[in-house]
Amino acid sequence: MIIGETIDALTAQHRRLQEILRGFDDGIWWNSDALAQLDVGRMSAQVDRIGVALDEIERLATEIGRPRTDLPF
């Protein structure tokens, strides 16, 4: 995948996440966690996975444009 396609794919995933977050509407419709009917454990696990993925994307992004001889391989 060329870099432009990769950035486009990342942008598309960003839009998806934005739409999901907008759907929560800051939880104003639920006056209790029980009414939200959210499996907090499962959601938290996925949030952690997103964090790990973003950490790796950030690490890779810092290497863009660096000469191969500077990379830690």
PDB file of N, CA and C in Angstrom:
ATOM      1  N   MET A   1       0.846  -1.168   0.000  1.00  0.00           N
ATOM      2  CA  MET A   1       0.000   0.000   0.000  1.00  0.00           C
ATOM      3  C   MET A   1       0.897   1.239   0.000  1.00  0.00           C
ATOM      4  N   ILE A   2       0.657   2.152  -0.916  1.00  0.00           N
ATOM      5  CA  ILE A   2       1.474   3.365  -0.936  1.00  0.00           C
ATOM      6  C   ILE A   2       1.051   4.295   0.194  1.00  0.00           C
ATOM      7  N   ILE A   3       1.906   5.255   0.538  1.00  0.00           N
ATOM      8  CA  ILE A   3       1.680   6.107   1.701  1.00  0.00           C
ATOM      9  C   ILE A   3       0.362   6.875   1.598  1.00  0.00           C
ATOM     10  N   GLY A   4       0.006   7.365   0.416  1.00  0.00           N
ATOM     11  CA  GLY A   4      -1.256   8.095   0.260  1.00  0.00           C
ATOM     12  C   GLY A   4      -2.460   7.242   0.605  1.00  0.00           C
ATOM     13  N   GLU A   5      -2.450   5.996   0.149  1.00  0.00           N
ATOM     14  CA  GLU A   5      -3.552   5.080   0.460  1.00  0.00           C
ATOM     15  C   GLU A   5      -3.598   4.774   1.950  1.00  0.00           C
ATOM     16  N   THR A   6      -2.442   4.666   2.558  1.00  0.00           N
ATOM     17  CA  THR A   6      -2.374   4.397   3.993  1.00  0.00           C
ATOM     18  C   THR A   6      -2.955   5.561   4.783  1.00  0.00           C
ATOM     19  N   ILE A   7      -2.585   6.773   4.403  1.00  0.00           N
ATOM     20  CA  ILE A   7      -3.113   7.953   5.090  1.00  0.00           C
ATOM     21  C   ILE A   7      -4.614   8.076   4.853  1.00  0.00           C
ATOM     22  N   ASP A   8      -5.078   7.787   3.636  1.00  0.00           N
ATOM     23  CA  ASP A   8      -6.516   7.803   3.350  1.00  0.00           C
ATOM     24  C   ASP A   8      -7.257   6.792   4.216  1.00  0.00           C
ATOM     25  N   ALA A   9      -6.681   5.610   4.383  1.00  0.00           N
ATOM     26  CA  ALA A   9      -7.308   4.577   5.211  1.00  0.00           C
ATOM     27  C   ALA A   9      -7.374   5.018   6.669  1.00  0.00           C
ATOM     28  N   LEU A  10      -6.312   5.642   7.155  1.00  0.00           N
ATOM     29  CA  LEU A  10      -6.298   6.143   8.530  1.00  0.00           C
ATOM     30  C   LEU A  10      -7.341   7.247   8.705  1.00  0.00           C
ATOM     31  N   THR A  11      -7.464   8.113   7.715  1.00  0.00           N
ATOM     32  CA  THR A  11      -8.465   9.181   7.759  1.00  0.00           C
ATOM     33  C   THR A  11      -9.875   8.606   7.789  1.00  0.00           C
ATOM     34  N   ALA A  12     -10.120   7.561   7.016  1.00  0.00           N
ATOM     35  CA  ALA A  12     -11.438   6.919   7.012  1.00  0.00           C
ATOM     36  C   ALA A  12     -11.756   6.317   8.381  1.00  0.00           C
ATOM     37  N   GLN A  13     -10.770   5.698   9.014  1.00  0.00           N
ATOM     38  CA  GLN A  13     -10.986   5.134  10.349  1.00  0.00           C
ATOM     39  C   GLN A  13     -11.243   6.243  11.367  1.00  0.00           C
ATOM     40  N   HIS A  14     -10.565   7.370  11.198  1.00  0.00           N
ATOM     41  CA  HIS A  14     -10.785   8.528  12.071  1.00  0.00           C
ATOM     42  C   HIS A  14     -12.237   8.995  11.961  1.00  0.00           C
ATOM     43  N   ARG A  15     -12.750   9.081  10.726  1.00  0.00           N
ATOM     44  CA  ARG A  15     -14.147   9.491  10.520  1.00  0.00           C
ATOM     45  C   ARG A  15     -15.108   8.514  11.183  1.00  0.00           C
ATOM     46  N   ARG A  16     -14.826   7.228  11.044  1.00  0.00           N
ATOM     47  CA  ARG A  16     -15.683   6.213  11.684  1.00  0.00           C
ATOM     48  C   ARG A  16     -15.738   6.417  13.187  1.00  0.00           C
ATOM     49  N   LEU A  17     -14.564   6.624  13.800  1.00  0.00           N
ATOM     50  CA  LEU A  17     -14.513   6.816  15.242  1.00  0.00           C
ATOM     51  C   LEU A  17     -15.249   8.091  15.643  1.00  0.00           C
ATOM     52  N   GLN A  18     -15.104   9.161  14.860  1.00  0.00           N
ATOM     53  CA  GLN A  18     -15.829  10.397  15.155  1.00  0.00           C
ATOM     54  C   GLN A  18     -17.333  10.164  15.166  1.00  0.00           C
ATOM     55  N   GLU A  19     -17.839   9.437  14.185  1.00  0.00           N
ATOM     56  CA  GLU A  19     -19.275   9.168  14.110  1.00  0.00           C
ATOM     57  C   GLU A  19     -19.748   8.345  15.311  1.00  0.00           C
ATOM     58  N   ILE A  20     -18.956   7.375  15.709  1.00  0.00           N
ATOM     59  CA  ILE A  20     -19.309   6.574  16.887  1.00  0.00           C
ATOM     60  C   ILE A  20     -19.377   7.465  18.115  1.00  0.00           C
ATOM     61  N   LEU A  21     -18.378   8.323  18.290  1.00  0.00           N
ATOM     62  CA  LEU A  21     -18.346   9.211  19.452  1.00  0.00           C
ATOM     63  C   LEU A  21     -19.507  10.197  19.435  1.00  0.00           C
ATOM     64  N   ARG A  22     -19.867  10.708  18.266  1.00  0.00           N
ATOM     65  CA  ARG A  22     -21.024  11.608  18.171  1.00  0.00           C
ATOM     66  C   ARG A  22     -22.303  10.887  18.583  1.00  0.00           C
ATOM     67  N   GLY A  23     -22.383   9.608  18.271  1.00  0.00           N
ATOM     68  CA  GLY A  23     -23.564   8.820  18.632  1.00  0.00           C
ATOM     69  C   GLY A  23     -23.770   8.703  20.129  1.00  0.00           C
ATOM     70  N   PHE A  24     -22.690   8.778  20.878  1.00  0.00           N
ATOM     71  CA  PHE A  24     -22.814   8.718  22.339  1.00  0.00           C
ATOM     72  C   PHE A  24     -23.452   9.985  22.888  1.00  0.00           C
ATOM     73  N   ASP A  25     -23.277  11.104  22.192  1.00  0.00           N
ATOM     74  CA  ASP A  25     -23.886  12.376  22.590  1.00  0.00           C
ATOM     75  C   ASP A  25     -23.610  12.702  24.048  1.00  0.00           C
ATOM     76  N   ASP A  26     -22.396  12.412  24.478  1.00  0.00           N
ATOM     77  CA  ASP A  26     -21.957  12.650  25.857  1.00  0.00           C
ATOM     78  C   ASP A  26     -22.817  11.933  26.892  1.00  0.00           C
ATOM     79  N   GLY A  27     -23.548  10.926  26.469  1.00  0.00           N
ATOM     80  CA  GLY A  27     -24.351  10.146  27.413  1.00  0.00           C
ATOM     81  C   GLY A  27     -25.529  10.893  28.012  1.00  0.00           C
ATOM     82  N   ILE A  28     -25.950  11.991  27.376  1.00  0.00           N
ATOM     83  CA  ILE A  28     -27.012  12.801  27.987  1.00  0.00           C
ATOM     84  C   ILE A  28     -28.358  12.088  28.035  1.00  0.00           C
ATOM     85  N   TRP A  29     -28.525  11.040  27.261  1.00  0.00           N
ATOM     86  CA  TRP A  29     -29.810  10.347  27.243  1.00  0.00           C
ATOM     87  C   TRP A  29     -29.925   9.308  28.349  1.00  0.00           C
ATOM     88  N   TRP A  30     -28.849   8.999  29.027  1.00  0.00           N
ATOM     89  CA  TRP A  30     -28.880   7.966  30.050  1.00  0.00           C
ATOM     90  C   TRP A  30     -28.607   8.584  31.405  1.00  0.00           C
ATOM     91  N   ASN A  31     -29.492   8.344  32.345  1.00  0.00           N
ATOM     92  CA  ASN A  31     -29.248   8.880  33.687  1.00  0.00           C
ATOM     93  C   ASN A  31     -28.667   7.828  34.616  1.00  0.00           C
ATOM     94  N   SER A  32     -28.272   6.683  34.050  1.00  0.00           N
ATOM     95  CA  SER A  32     -27.545   5.678  34.825  1.00  0.00           C
ATOM     96  C   SER A  32     -26.763   4.793  33.863  1.00  0.00           C
ATOM     97  N   ASP A  33     -25.703   4.178  34.376  1.00  0.00           N
ATOM     98  CA  ASP A  33     -24.919   3.261  33.546  1.00  0.00           C
ATOM     99  C   ASP A  33     -25.764   2.084  33.092  1.00  0.00           C
ATOM    100  N   ALA A  34     -26.659   1.621  33.956  1.00  0.00           N
ATOM    101  CA  ALA A  34     -27.505   0.475  33.613  1.00  0.00           C
ATOM    102  C   ALA A  34     -28.401   0.797  32.415  1.00  0.00           C
ATOM    103  N   LEU A  35     -28.943   1.999  32.368  1.00  0.00           N
ATOM    104  CA  LEU A  35     -29.811   2.381  31.255  1.00  0.00           C
ATOM    105  C   LEU A  35     -29.050   2.474  29.937  1.00  0.00           C
ATOM    106  N   ALA A  36     -27.772   2.778  30.014  1.00  0.00           N
ATOM    107  CA  ALA A  36     -26.961   2.861  28.798  1.00  0.00           C
ATOM    108  C   ALA A  36     -26.794   1.487  28.155  1.00  0.00           C
ATOM    109  N   GLN A  37     -26.923   0.436  28.937  1.00  0.00           N
ATOM    110  CA  GLN A  37     -26.787  -0.945  28.460  1.00  0.00           C
ATOM    111  C   GLN A  37     -25.469  -1.148  27.702  1.00  0.00           C
ATOM    112  N   LEU A  38     -24.399  -0.652  28.278  1.00  0.00           N
ATOM    113  CA  LEU A  38     -23.077  -0.760  27.674  1.00  0.00           C
ATOM    114  C   LEU A  38     -22.260  -1.794  28.429  1.00  0.00           C
ATOM    115  N   ASP A  39     -21.670  -2.717  27.701  1.00  0.00           N
ATOM    116  CA  ASP A  39     -20.755  -3.677  28.312  1.00  0.00           C
ATOM    117  C   ASP A  39     -19.418  -2.956  28.485  1.00  0.00           C
ATOM    118  N   VAL A  40     -19.255  -2.339  29.643  1.00  0.00           N
ATOM    119  CA  VAL A  40     -18.096  -1.487  29.900  1.00  0.00           C
ATOM    120  C   VAL A  40     -16.789  -2.261  29.775  1.00  0.00           C
ATOM    121  N   GLY A  41     -16.761  -3.491  30.225  1.00  0.00           N
ATOM    122  CA  GLY A  41     -15.542  -4.293  30.138  1.00  0.00           C
ATOM    123  C   GLY A  41     -15.105  -4.508  28.700  1.00  0.00           C
ATOM    124  N   ARG A  42     -16.051  -4.887  27.851  1.00  0.00           N
ATOM    125  CA  ARG A  42     -15.719  -5.112  26.436  1.00  0.00           C
ATOM    126  C   ARG A  42     -15.321  -3.813  25.748  1.00  0.00           C
ATOM    127  N   MET A  43     -16.056  -2.744  26.063  1.00  0.00           N
ATOM    128  CA  MET A  43     -15.740  -1.455  25.450  1.00  0.00           C
ATOM    129  C   MET A  43     -14.356  -0.986  25.893  1.00  0.00           C
ATOM    130  N   SER A  44     -14.052  -1.126  27.163  1.00  0.00           N
ATOM    131  CA  SER A  44     -12.745  -0.704  27.685  1.00  0.00           C
ATOM    132  C   SER A  44     -11.613  -1.487  27.035  1.00  0.00           C
ATOM    133  N   ALA A  45     -11.828  -2.776  26.809  1.00  0.00           N
ATOM    134  CA  ALA A  45     -10.802  -3.597  26.159  1.00  0.00           C
ATOM    135  C   ALA A  45     -10.519  -3.086  24.746  1.00  0.00           C
ATOM    136  N   GLN A  46     -11.563  -2.700  24.031  1.00  0.00           N
ATOM    137  CA  GLN A  46     -11.380  -2.199  22.670  1.00  0.00           C
ATOM    138  C   GLN A  46     -10.719  -0.819  22.672  1.00  0.00           C
ATOM    139  N   VAL A  47     -11.073   0.007  23.655  1.00  0.00           N
ATOM    140  CA  VAL A  47     -10.432   1.319  23.781  1.00  0.00           C
ATOM    141  C   VAL A  47      -8.933   1.135  24.021  1.00  0.00           C
ATOM    142  N   ASP A  48      -8.578   0.160  24.846  1.00  0.00           N
ATOM    143  CA  ASP A  48      -7.159  -0.133  25.087  1.00  0.00           C
ATOM    144  C   ASP A  48      -6.459  -0.556  23.792  1.00  0.00           C
ATOM    145  N   ARG A  49      -7.144  -1.371  22.975  1.00  0.00           N
ATOM    146  CA  ARG A  49      -6.562  -1.811  21.700  1.00  0.00           C
ATOM    147  C   ARG A  49      -6.343  -0.629  20.759  1.00  0.00           C
ATOM    148  N   ILE A  50      -7.296   0.299  20.750  1.00  0.00           N
ATOM    149  CA  ILE A  50      -7.142   1.500  19.927  1.00  0.00           C
ATOM    150  C   ILE A  50      -5.919   2.281  20.391  1.00  0.00           C
ATOM    151  N   GLY A  51      -5.747   2.399  21.695  1.00  0.00           N
ATOM    152  CA  GLY A  51      -4.589   3.111  22.243  1.00  0.00           C
ATOM    153  C   GLY A  51      -3.276   2.484  21.817  1.00  0.00           C
ATOM    154  N   VAL A  52      -3.209   1.159  21.870  1.00  0.00           N
ATOM    155  CA  VAL A  52      -1.990   0.449  21.454  1.00  0.00           C
ATOM    156  C   VAL A  52      -1.734   0.681  19.961  1.00  0.00           C
ATOM    157  N   ALA A  53      -2.793   0.595  19.153  1.00  0.00           N
ATOM    158  CA  ALA A  53      -2.641   0.814  17.712  1.00  0.00           C
ATOM    159  C   ALA A  53      -2.180   2.240  17.420  1.00  0.00           C
ATOM    160  N   LEU A  54      -2.751   3.217  18.118  1.00  0.00           N
ATOM    161  CA  LEU A  54      -2.340   4.606  17.905  1.00  0.00           C
ATOM    162  C   LEU A  54      -0.894   4.836  18.325  1.00  0.00           C
ATOM    163  N   ASP A  55      -0.479   4.189  19.396  1.00  0.00           N
ATOM    164  CA  ASP A  55       0.925   4.290  19.811  1.00  0.00           C
ATOM    165  C   ASP A  55       1.852   3.807  18.694  1.00  0.00           C
ATOM    166  N   GLU A  56       1.498   2.684  18.071  1.00  0.00           N
ATOM    167  CA  GLU A  56       2.329   2.130  16.997  1.00  0.00           C
ATOM    168  C   GLU A  56       2.286   3.018  15.757  1.00  0.00           C
ATOM    169  N   ILE A  57       1.106   3.524  15.411  1.00  0.00           N
ATOM    170  CA  ILE A  57       0.994   4.428  14.262  1.00  0.00           C
ATOM    171  C   ILE A  57       1.838   5.675  14.495  1.00  0.00           C
ATOM    172  N   GLU A  58       1.784   6.211  15.706  1.00  0.00           N
ATOM    173  CA  GLU A  58       2.584   7.391  16.034  1.00  0.00           C
ATOM    174  C   GLU A  58       4.080   7.089  15.906  1.00  0.00           C
ATOM    175  N   ARG A  59       4.489   5.916  16.398  1.00  0.00           N
ATOM    176  CA  ARG A  59       5.900   5.528  16.301  1.00  0.00           C
ATOM    177  C   ARG A  59       6.322   5.433  14.839  1.00  0.00           C
ATOM    178  N   LEU A  60       5.498   4.790  14.022  1.00  0.00           N
ATOM    179  CA  LEU A  60       5.822   4.649  12.600  1.00  0.00           C
ATOM    180  C   LEU A  60       5.830   6.000  11.890  1.00  0.00           C
ATOM    181  N   ALA A  61       4.908   6.884  12.259  1.00  0.00           N
ATOM    182  CA  ALA A  61       4.828   8.198  11.616  1.00  0.00           C
ATOM    183  C   ALA A  61       6.077   9.028  11.881  1.00  0.00           C
ATOM    184  N   THR A  62       6.687   8.839  13.040  1.00  0.00           N
ATOM    185  CA  THR A  62       7.900   9.609  13.340  1.00  0.00           C
ATOM    186  C   THR A  62       9.068   9.172  12.460  1.00  0.00           C
ATOM    187  N   GLU A  63       8.959   7.981  11.863  1.00  0.00           N
ATOM    188  CA  GLU A  63      10.029   7.466  11.009  1.00  0.00           C
ATOM    189  C   GLU A  63       9.879   7.882   9.552  1.00  0.00           C
ATOM    190  N   ILE A  64       8.735   8.492   9.202  1.00  0.00           N
ATOM    191  CA  ILE A  64       8.509   8.897   7.812  1.00  0.00           C
ATOM    192  C   ILE A  64       9.574   9.910   7.407  1.00  0.00           C
ATOM    193  N   GLY A  65      10.220   9.626   6.314  1.00  0.00           N
ATOM    194  CA  GLY A  65      11.215  10.546   5.787  1.00  0.00           C
ATOM    195  C   GLY A  65      12.605  10.404   6.386  1.00  0.00           C
ATOM    196  N   ARG A  66      12.751   9.575   7.409  1.00  0.00           N
ATOM    197  CA  ARG A  66      14.084   9.371   7.985  1.00  0.00           C
ATOM    198  C   ARG A  66      14.874   8.427   7.093  1.00  0.00           C
ATOM    199  N   PRO A  67      16.136   8.706   6.900  1.00  0.00           N
ATOM    200  CA  PRO A  67      16.963   7.775   6.120  1.00  0.00           C
ATOM    201  C   PRO A  67      16.978   6.397   6.777  1.00  0.00           C
ATOM    202  N   ARG A  68      16.983   5.375   5.970  1.00  0.00           N
ATOM    203  CA  ARG A  68      16.980   3.996   6.478  1.00  0.00           C
ATOM    204  C   ARG A  68      18.128   3.739   7.449  1.00  0.00           C
ATOM    205  N   THR A  69      19.238   4.399   7.246  1.00  0.00           N
ATOM    206  CA  THR A  69      20.390   4.170   8.127  1.00  0.00           C
ATOM    207  C   THR A  69      20.134   4.688   9.539  1.00  0.00           C
ATOM    208  N   ASP A  70      19.151   5.592   9.686  1.00  0.00           N
ATOM    209  CA  ASP A  70      18.818   6.131  11.009  1.00  0.00           C
ATOM    210  C   ASP A  70      17.800   5.275  11.756  1.00  0.00           C
ATOM    211  N   LEU A  71      17.191   4.317  11.065  1.00  0.00           N
ATOM    212  CA  LEU A  71      16.145   3.508  11.689  1.00  0.00           C
ATOM    213  C   LEU A  71      16.759   2.442  12.590  1.00  0.00           C
ATOM    214  N   PRO A  72      16.085   2.141  13.702  1.00  0.00           N
ATOM    215  CA  PRO A  72      16.630   1.183  14.684  1.00  0.00           C
ATOM    216  C   PRO A  72      16.371  -0.272  14.322  1.00  0.00           C
ATOM    217  N   PHE A  73      16.881  -0.768  13.200  1.00  0.00           N
ATOM    218  CA  PHE A  73      16.683  -2.181  12.828  1.00  0.00           C
ATOM    219  C   PHE A  73      17.967  -2.939  12.908  1.00  0.00           C
TER     220      PHE A  73
END
